[in-house]
Amino acid sequence: MTNRISKHLVTFRSPFYLESLEDEWPAGDYTIETEEEPLDSASFLAYRRVSTTMIVHRKRGLRTETKFVTIDPADLAAAQARDQQPLDRAENEGMSGR
């Protein structure tokens, strides 16, 4: 059997970081690609995650640079949880004046 690859889009409202990487990433949409391999089992079909990659597109002048960054899925989940937390009080007060 061959490996399977799934892709999904995640959106960050604010700049974020992943514990396993040093860079801060800007808010925006990121494609997450997960590769899984089938397990050897005669009784049922099951897969094991091989890798998780964040695909980053950055504008460099007239060119777009694509970077593939291997990430830890637990770090991604933690960053998404932080991003979903309500805005802090000062930001909320500033937005209410609009």
Protein backbone atom coordinates (compact mmCIF):
# COMPACT_ATOMS: atom_id res chain seq x y z
CA MET A 1 0.00 0.00 0.00
CA THR A 2 1.04 3.59 -0.47
CA ASN A 3 1.16 6.44 2.00
CA ARG A 4 -1.72 8.88 2.09
CA ILE A 5 -1.46 12.64 2.32
CA SER A 6 -4.16 14.92 3.65
CA LYS A 7 -4.19 18.72 3.55
CA HIS A 8 -6.22 21.24 5.49
CA LEU A 9 -6.18 24.99 5.89
CA VAL A 10 -5.69 26.67 9.26
CA THR A 11 -6.19 30.38 9.84
CA PHE A 12 -4.46 32.38 12.55
CA ARG A 13 -6.01 35.70 13.58
CA SER A 14 -2.80 36.89 15.25
CA PRO A 15 0.92 36.29 14.79
CA PHE A 16 1.85 32.97 16.39
CA TYR A 17 4.77 30.77 17.34
CA LEU A 18 5.34 27.05 17.60
CA GLU A 19 7.31 25.75 20.58
CA SER A 20 9.63 23.65 18.41
CA LEU A 21 10.54 26.57 16.10
CA GLU A 22 12.20 29.88 16.88
CA ASP A 23 10.36 32.03 14.32
CA GLU A 24 7.19 34.00 14.90
CA TRP A 25 4.78 33.51 12.00
CA PRO A 26 2.42 36.22 10.76
CA ALA A 27 -1.35 35.94 11.01
CA GLY A 28 -2.95 34.37 7.97
CA ASP A 29 -3.82 31.11 6.26
CA TYR A 30 -1.48 28.12 6.32
CA THR A 31 -1.80 24.79 4.56
CA ILE A 32 -1.03 21.84 6.84
CA GLU A 33 -0.05 18.60 5.13
CA THR A 34 -0.06 15.29 7.01
CA GLU A 35 1.52 12.15 5.61
CA GLU A 36 0.46 8.79 7.01
CA GLU A 37 1.61 5.27 6.27
CA PRO A 38 -0.54 2.14 6.51
CA LEU A 39 0.13 -0.25 9.36
CA ASP A 40 0.59 -3.92 8.67
CA SER A 41 -2.60 -5.47 9.90
CA ALA A 42 -4.55 -8.34 8.41
CA SER A 43 -7.74 -7.56 10.31
CA PHE A 44 -8.30 -3.82 9.75
CA LEU A 45 -6.90 -0.77 7.96
CA ALA A 46 -5.04 1.72 10.16
CA TYR A 47 -2.53 4.48 9.56
CA ARG A 48 0.36 6.03 11.49
CA ARG A 49 1.42 9.66 11.07
CA VAL A 50 4.81 9.97 9.40
CA SER A 51 5.11 13.76 9.21
CA THR A 52 3.24 17.03 9.52
CA THR A 53 4.34 19.96 7.38
CA MET A 54 3.28 23.60 7.36
CA ILE A 55 3.42 25.13 3.89
CA VAL A 56 4.39 28.80 4.06
CA HIS A 57 4.05 31.20 1.12
CA ARG A 58 6.00 34.46 1.45
CA LYS A 59 6.12 37.35 -1.00
CA ARG A 60 9.68 38.38 -1.91
CA GLY A 61 9.32 41.33 -4.25
CA LEU A 62 7.63 40.03 -7.39
CA ARG A 63 8.27 36.39 -6.46
CA THR A 64 6.48 34.11 -4.05
CA GLU A 65 8.71 31.84 -2.00
CA THR A 66 7.28 28.54 -0.79
CA LYS A 67 8.77 26.98 2.31
CA PHE A 68 7.96 23.55 3.75
CA VAL A 69 8.40 23.48 7.53
CA THR A 70 8.19 20.21 9.46
CA ILE A 71 6.17 20.81 12.62
CA ASP A 72 4.97 18.96 15.69
CA PRO A 73 1.16 18.52 15.53
CA ALA A 74 0.92 19.12 19.30
CA ASP A 75 2.66 22.51 18.85
CA LEU A 76 0.18 23.39 16.10
CA ALA A 77 -2.78 22.46 18.31
CA ALA A 78 -1.39 24.57 21.17
CA ALA A 79 -0.86 27.57 18.86
CA GLN A 80 -4.41 27.23 17.53
CA ALA A 81 -5.78 27.10 21.08
CA ARG A 82 -3.87 30.27 22.01
CA ASP A 83 -5.15 31.98 18.86
CA GLN A 84 -8.76 31.12 19.72
CA GLN A 85 -8.59 32.73 23.17
CA PRO A 86 -10.61 35.95 23.48
CA LEU A 87 -8.76 39.17 22.81
CA ASP A 88 -7.33 40.70 25.96
CA ARG A 89 -9.20 43.48 27.75
CA ALA A 90 -7.21 46.40 26.31
CA GLU A 91 -7.82 45.22 22.75
CA ASN A 92 -11.54 44.73 23.45
CA GLU A 93 -11.86 48.24 24.89
CA GLY A 94 -10.07 49.72 21.88
CA MET A 95 -12.40 47.91 19.49
CA SER A 96 -15.58 49.07 21.28
CA GLY A 97 -14.83 52.67 20.33
CA ARG A 98 -15.22 51.91 16.62
